[in-house]
Amino acid sequence: MEITRSLLLILHFIAMSGLLGGLLASSKSLNKGVLHSSLLALVTGLGLVGIRYPLNDADPMKWEAVNHTLVWAKLNLLLAVLVLGYVAKKKESFSKNTWLAMVLLTLTAIVIAVVW
């Protein structure tokens, strides 16, 4: 279980860095890697939450319980990035405000993960 968690965590880090890097690299048009990274972050994040339950049951002293408030906040931030990304993908132009909102939402999710 811990190996699976470690692999999911590595993939989640790669996805979040791809998301932020893709956003910072694209200002005129939305990079396709941004949406792929967002989806990978969503899937691996849900996997990390799901695997935390059996880890906590096996050793509650080592693995703390899932903080549902943080999971809810990060999930909503990532879903907002995905919605903005898919809406921007359908349009011909990628507005500066949409780009800024996606960057700020991504940075907020990263700060929440690191600080709490």
N, C-alpha and C. Protein backbone atom coordinates (compact mmCIF):
# COMPACT_ATOMS: atom_id res chain seq x y z
N MET A 1 0.81 -1.20 0.00
CA MET A 1 0.00 0.00 0.00
C MET A 1 0.85 1.26 0.00
N GLU A 2 1.92 1.23 0.77
CA GLU A 2 2.76 2.43 0.84
C GLU A 2 3.48 2.68 -0.48
N ILE A 3 3.82 1.63 -1.19
CA ILE A 3 4.46 1.80 -2.50
C ILE A 3 3.48 2.42 -3.48
N THR A 4 2.23 1.95 -3.45
CA THR A 4 1.20 2.52 -4.32
C THR A 4 0.98 3.98 -3.99
N ARG A 5 0.95 4.32 -2.71
CA ARG A 5 0.78 5.70 -2.30
C ARG A 5 1.95 6.56 -2.79
N SER A 6 3.16 6.03 -2.67
CA SER A 6 4.33 6.78 -3.12
C SER A 6 4.30 7.01 -4.64
N LEU A 7 3.89 5.99 -5.39
CA LEU A 7 3.79 6.16 -6.84
C LEU A 7 2.71 7.18 -7.20
N LEU A 8 1.57 7.12 -6.53
CA LEU A 8 0.51 8.10 -6.78
C LEU A 8 0.97 9.51 -6.43
N LEU A 9 1.72 9.63 -5.33
CA LEU A 9 2.21 10.94 -4.92
C LEU A 9 3.20 11.51 -5.94
N ILE A 10 4.08 10.67 -6.45
CA ILE A 10 5.03 11.12 -7.47
C ILE A 10 4.28 11.57 -8.72
N LEU A 11 3.31 10.79 -9.16
CA LEU A 11 2.52 11.17 -10.33
C LEU A 11 1.73 12.46 -10.08
N HIS A 12 1.26 12.64 -8.85
CA HIS A 12 0.52 13.85 -8.51
C HIS A 12 1.44 15.07 -8.56
N PHE A 13 2.66 14.92 -8.06
CA PHE A 13 3.64 16.02 -8.14
C PHE A 13 3.96 16.36 -9.59
N ILE A 14 4.14 15.33 -10.41
CA ILE A 14 4.42 15.55 -11.83
C ILE A 14 3.26 16.27 -12.49
N ALA A 15 2.03 15.86 -12.16
CA ALA A 15 0.84 16.48 -12.75
C ALA A 15 0.72 17.94 -12.34
N MET A 16 0.93 18.23 -11.08
CA MET A 16 0.80 19.62 -10.62
C MET A 16 1.91 20.49 -11.20
N SER A 17 3.12 19.95 -11.32
CA SER A 17 4.19 20.75 -11.93
C SER A 17 3.93 20.93 -13.43
N GLY A 18 3.37 19.92 -14.08
CA GLY A 18 3.01 20.06 -15.49
C GLY A 18 1.89 21.07 -15.68
N LEU A 19 0.96 21.09 -14.76
CA LEU A 19 -0.14 22.05 -14.82
C LEU A 19 0.38 23.48 -14.68
N LEU A 20 1.16 23.72 -13.64
CA LEU A 20 1.68 25.06 -13.42
C LEU A 20 2.67 25.47 -14.51
N GLY A 21 3.55 24.56 -14.88
CA GLY A 21 4.52 24.86 -15.94
C GLY A 21 3.85 25.11 -17.28
N GLY A 22 2.84 24.32 -17.58
CA GLY A 22 2.11 24.52 -18.83
C GLY A 22 1.38 25.85 -18.86
N LEU A 23 0.83 26.24 -17.73
CA LEU A 23 0.15 27.54 -17.67
C LEU A 23 1.14 28.69 -17.81
N LEU A 24 2.27 28.58 -17.13
CA LEU A 24 3.25 29.65 -17.20
C LEU A 24 3.90 29.74 -18.59
N ALA A 25 3.95 28.63 -19.30
CA ALA A 25 4.55 28.63 -20.63
C ALA A 25 3.59 29.13 -21.71
N SER A 26 2.30 29.09 -21.42
CA SER A 26 1.33 29.49 -22.45
C SER A 26 0.56 30.71 -22.00
N SER A 27 0.66 31.77 -22.76
CA SER A 27 -0.12 32.95 -22.45
C SER A 27 -1.04 33.33 -23.60
N LYS A 28 -0.68 32.96 -24.83
CA LYS A 28 -1.50 33.29 -26.01
C LYS A 28 -2.58 32.24 -26.24
N SER A 29 -2.23 30.96 -26.13
CA SER A 29 -3.19 29.89 -26.33
C SER A 29 -2.97 28.83 -25.26
N LEU A 30 -4.01 28.09 -24.98
CA LEU A 30 -3.94 27.09 -23.92
C LEU A 30 -3.19 25.86 -24.42
N ASN A 31 -2.17 25.49 -23.69
CA ASN A 31 -1.38 24.31 -24.00
C ASN A 31 -2.21 23.07 -23.69
N LYS A 32 -2.19 22.07 -24.57
CA LYS A 32 -2.96 20.84 -24.35
C LYS A 32 -2.47 20.08 -23.12
N GLY A 33 -1.21 20.24 -22.79
CA GLY A 33 -0.66 19.56 -21.62
C GLY A 33 -1.28 20.03 -20.32
N VAL A 34 -1.82 21.24 -20.31
CA VAL A 34 -2.45 21.76 -19.10
C VAL A 34 -3.67 20.93 -18.74
N LEU A 35 -4.50 20.61 -19.72
CA LEU A 35 -5.70 19.82 -19.45
C LEU A 35 -5.34 18.38 -19.09
N HIS A 36 -4.34 17.82 -19.75
CA HIS A 36 -3.91 16.47 -19.42
C HIS A 36 -3.33 16.42 -18.00
N SER A 37 -2.54 17.41 -17.65
CA SER A 37 -1.98 17.47 -16.31
C SER A 37 -3.07 17.65 -15.26
N SER A 38 -4.08 18.45 -15.58
CA SER A 38 -5.19 18.65 -14.66
C SER A 38 -5.94 17.35 -14.40
N LEU A 39 -6.20 16.62 -15.46
CA LEU A 39 -6.90 15.34 -15.30
C LEU A 39 -6.05 14.33 -14.53
N LEU A 40 -4.75 14.31 -14.81
CA LEU A 40 -3.86 13.41 -14.06
C LEU A 40 -3.82 13.79 -12.59
N ALA A 41 -3.79 15.08 -12.30
CA ALA A 41 -3.79 15.53 -10.91
C ALA A 41 -5.10 15.14 -10.22
N LEU A 42 -6.20 15.22 -10.93
CA LEU A 42 -7.49 14.84 -10.37
C LEU A 42 -7.53 13.35 -10.05
N VAL A 43 -7.13 12.52 -10.99
CA VAL A 43 -7.18 11.07 -10.79
C VAL A 43 -6.22 10.63 -9.69
N THR A 44 -5.00 11.15 -9.70
CA THR A 44 -4.04 10.74 -8.67
C THR A 44 -4.43 11.30 -7.31
N GLY A 45 -5.01 12.50 -7.28
CA GLY A 45 -5.47 13.05 -6.01
C GLY A 45 -6.57 12.21 -5.39
N LEU A 46 -7.51 11.80 -6.22
CA LEU A 46 -8.58 10.92 -5.71
C LEU A 46 -8.01 9.58 -5.26
N GLY A 47 -7.01 9.08 -5.99
CA GLY A 47 -6.36 7.84 -5.58
C GLY A 47 -5.63 7.99 -4.25
N LEU A 48 -4.99 9.12 -4.05
CA LEU A 48 -4.30 9.37 -2.78
C LEU A 48 -5.27 9.43 -1.61
N VAL A 49 -6.42 10.04 -1.84
CA VAL A 49 -7.44 10.09 -0.78
C VAL A 49 -7.97 8.69 -0.50
N GLY A 50 -8.24 7.94 -1.56
CA GLY A 50 -8.79 6.60 -1.40
C GLY A 50 -7.84 5.65 -0.70
N ILE A 51 -6.55 5.77 -0.97
CA ILE A 51 -5.60 4.85 -0.36
C ILE A 51 -5.27 5.24 1.08
N ARG A 52 -5.58 6.46 1.47
CA ARG A 52 -5.29 6.91 2.83
C ARG A 52 -6.16 6.18 3.86
N TYR A 53 -7.38 5.80 3.48
CA TYR A 53 -8.27 5.11 4.42
C TYR A 53 -7.71 3.78 4.90
N PRO A 54 -7.30 2.87 4.01
CA PRO A 54 -6.72 1.63 4.52
C PRO A 54 -5.38 1.83 5.23
N LEU A 55 -4.60 2.82 4.81
CA LEU A 55 -3.34 3.09 5.51
C LEU A 55 -3.61 3.57 6.93
N ASN A 56 -4.62 4.43 7.09
CA ASN A 56 -4.99 4.91 8.42
C ASN A 56 -5.55 3.78 9.28
N ASP A 57 -6.32 2.89 8.67
CA ASP A 57 -6.87 1.76 9.44
C ASP A 57 -5.76 0.82 9.89
N ALA A 58 -4.74 0.63 9.06
CA ALA A 58 -3.66 -0.29 9.40
C ALA A 58 -2.74 0.28 10.48
N ASP A 59 -2.45 1.57 10.42
CA ASP A 59 -1.53 2.19 11.38
C ASP A 59 -1.93 3.65 11.62
N PRO A 60 -2.88 3.88 12.54
CA PRO A 60 -3.35 5.25 12.77
C PRO A 60 -2.30 6.19 13.35
N MET A 61 -1.28 5.65 13.98
CA MET A 61 -0.24 6.50 14.54
C MET A 61 0.66 7.06 13.43
N LYS A 62 0.85 6.31 12.38
CA LYS A 62 1.73 6.73 11.30
C LYS A 62 0.98 7.57 10.26
N TRP A 63 -0.26 7.20 9.96
CA TRP A 63 -1.05 7.86 8.92
C TRP A 63 -2.24 8.54 9.55
N GLU A 64 -2.26 9.86 9.48
CA GLU A 64 -3.40 10.59 10.05
C GLU A 64 -4.63 10.43 9.17
N ALA A 65 -5.78 10.70 9.75
CA ALA A 65 -7.04 10.55 9.03
C ALA A 65 -7.15 11.60 7.92
N VAL A 66 -8.02 11.32 6.98
CA VAL A 66 -8.24 12.23 5.85
C VAL A 66 -8.92 13.49 6.33
N ASN A 67 -8.40 14.63 5.94
CA ASN A 67 -9.02 15.92 6.25
C ASN A 67 -9.95 16.25 5.08
N HIS A 68 -11.23 16.01 5.29
CA HIS A 68 -12.20 16.16 4.22
C HIS A 68 -12.35 17.60 3.75
N THR A 69 -12.12 18.55 4.64
CA THR A 69 -12.22 19.96 4.24
C THR A 69 -11.14 20.32 3.23
N LEU A 70 -9.92 19.86 3.46
CA LEU A 70 -8.84 20.14 2.52
C LEU A 70 -9.06 19.42 1.19
N VAL A 71 -9.55 18.19 1.26
CA VAL A 71 -9.84 17.45 0.04
C VAL A 71 -10.91 18.18 -0.76
N TRP A 72 -11.95 18.64 -0.09
CA TRP A 72 -13.03 19.36 -0.75
C TRP A 72 -12.50 20.64 -1.39
N ALA A 73 -11.68 21.39 -0.68
CA ALA A 73 -11.15 22.66 -1.19
C ALA A 73 -10.27 22.42 -2.42
N LYS A 74 -9.34 21.46 -2.33
CA LYS A 74 -8.46 21.20 -3.46
C LYS A 74 -9.21 20.63 -4.65
N LEU A 75 -10.21 19.80 -4.40
CA LEU A 75 -11.02 19.26 -5.49
C LEU A 75 -11.77 20.36 -6.22
N ASN A 76 -12.34 21.29 -5.47
CA ASN A 76 -13.06 22.40 -6.10
C ASN A 76 -12.12 23.31 -6.88
N LEU A 77 -10.94 23.56 -6.37
CA LEU A 77 -9.97 24.38 -7.09
C LEU A 77 -9.57 23.71 -8.40
N LEU A 78 -9.31 22.41 -8.35
CA LEU A 78 -8.91 21.70 -9.55
C LEU A 78 -10.06 21.60 -10.55
N LEU A 79 -11.27 21.40 -10.07
CA LEU A 79 -12.42 21.36 -10.98
C LEU A 79 -12.64 22.73 -11.64
N ALA A 80 -12.39 23.80 -10.90
CA ALA A 80 -12.51 25.14 -11.48
C ALA A 80 -11.47 25.34 -12.58
N VAL A 81 -10.24 24.85 -12.36
CA VAL A 81 -9.20 24.94 -13.39
C VAL A 81 -9.61 24.14 -14.62
N LEU A 82 -10.17 22.95 -14.40
CA LEU A 82 -10.61 22.12 -15.52
C LEU A 82 -11.73 22.79 -16.31
N VAL A 83 -12.70 23.34 -15.61
CA VAL A 83 -13.82 24.00 -16.30
C VAL A 83 -13.31 25.20 -17.10
N LEU A 84 -12.48 26.02 -16.47
CA LEU A 84 -11.92 27.17 -17.19
C LEU A 84 -11.10 26.72 -18.40
N GLY A 85 -10.37 25.63 -18.23
CA GLY A 85 -9.55 25.13 -19.32
C GLY A 85 -10.37 24.62 -20.49
N TYR A 86 -11.42 23.87 -20.20
CA TYR A 86 -12.25 23.35 -21.29
C TYR A 86 -13.06 24.45 -21.97
N VAL A 87 -13.48 25.44 -21.21
CA VAL A 87 -14.18 26.58 -21.82
C VAL A 87 -13.21 27.37 -22.70
N ALA A 88 -11.99 27.58 -22.21
CA ALA A 88 -10.99 28.32 -22.98
C ALA A 88 -10.55 27.54 -24.22
N LYS A 89 -10.56 26.22 -24.13
CA LYS A 89 -10.16 25.40 -25.27
C LYS A 89 -11.14 25.55 -26.43
N LYS A 90 -12.41 25.71 -26.11
CA LYS A 90 -13.43 25.83 -27.16
C LYS A 90 -13.41 27.19 -27.84
N LYS A 91 -12.90 28.20 -27.13
CA LYS A 91 -12.82 29.53 -27.73
C LYS A 91 -11.54 29.65 -28.55
N GLU A 92 -11.55 30.58 -29.48
CA GLU A 92 -10.37 30.78 -30.31
C GLU A 92 -9.26 31.52 -29.56
N SER A 93 -9.65 32.46 -28.70
CA SER A 93 -8.64 33.23 -27.99
C SER A 93 -8.63 32.83 -26.52
N PHE A 94 -7.47 32.98 -25.91
CA PHE A 94 -7.26 32.64 -24.51
C PHE A 94 -7.02 33.94 -23.76
N SER A 95 -8.01 34.38 -23.00
CA SER A 95 -7.93 35.70 -22.37
C SER A 95 -6.93 35.70 -21.22
N LYS A 96 -6.39 36.86 -20.98
CA LYS A 96 -5.42 37.05 -19.89
C LYS A 96 -6.06 36.80 -18.53
N ASN A 97 -7.33 37.18 -18.39
CA ASN A 97 -8.03 36.96 -17.12
C ASN A 97 -8.24 35.48 -16.84
N THR A 98 -8.56 34.71 -17.86
CA THR A 98 -8.72 33.27 -17.68
C THR A 98 -7.39 32.64 -17.30
N TRP A 99 -6.33 33.05 -17.99
CA TRP A 99 -5.00 32.54 -17.66
C TRP A 99 -4.63 32.87 -16.22
N LEU A 100 -4.86 34.10 -15.81
CA LEU A 100 -4.53 34.52 -14.45
C LEU A 100 -5.35 33.76 -13.42
N ALA A 101 -6.62 33.55 -13.69
CA ALA A 101 -7.48 32.80 -12.77
C ALA A 101 -6.98 31.36 -12.63
N MET A 102 -6.61 30.73 -13.74
CA MET A 102 -6.12 29.36 -13.68
C MET A 102 -4.80 29.27 -12.92
N VAL A 103 -3.92 30.24 -13.11
CA VAL A 103 -2.64 30.24 -12.39
C VAL A 103 -2.88 30.43 -10.89
N LEU A 104 -3.74 31.39 -10.54
CA LEU A 104 -4.01 31.64 -9.12
C LEU A 104 -4.70 30.45 -8.45
N LEU A 105 -5.61 29.81 -9.14
CA LEU A 105 -6.27 28.62 -8.58
C LEU A 105 -5.27 27.49 -8.37
N THR A 106 -4.38 27.31 -9.33
CA THR A 106 -3.37 26.27 -9.21
C THR A 106 -2.41 26.56 -8.07
N LEU A 107 -1.96 27.80 -7.97
CA LEU A 107 -1.05 28.17 -6.87
C LEU A 107 -1.74 28.04 -5.52
N THR A 108 -3.01 28.37 -5.45
CA THR A 108 -3.75 28.22 -4.20
C THR A 108 -3.82 26.75 -3.79
N ALA A 109 -4.08 25.87 -4.74
CA ALA A 109 -4.12 24.44 -4.44
C ALA A 109 -2.76 23.94 -3.95
N ILE A 110 -1.69 24.42 -4.56
CA ILE A 110 -0.35 24.02 -4.14
C ILE A 110 -0.05 24.54 -2.73
N VAL A 111 -0.41 25.78 -2.46
CA VAL A 111 -0.17 26.35 -1.13
C VAL A 111 -0.96 25.58 -0.06
N ILE A 112 -2.19 25.26 -0.36
CA ILE A 112 -3.00 24.48 0.60
C ILE A 112 -2.35 23.13 0.87
N ALA A 113 -1.85 22.48 -0.17
CA ALA A 113 -1.21 21.17 0.01
C ALA A 113 0.07 21.26 0.83
N VAL A 114 0.82 22.31 0.63
CA VAL A 114 2.11 22.42 1.32
C VAL A 114 1.95 22.91 2.76
N VAL A 115 1.10 23.88 2.97
CA VAL A 115 0.98 24.50 4.29
C VAL A 115 0.21 23.62 5.27
N TRP A 116 -0.87 23.02 4.78
CA TRP A 116 -1.66 22.18 5.69
C TRP A 116 -1.36 20.77 5.42
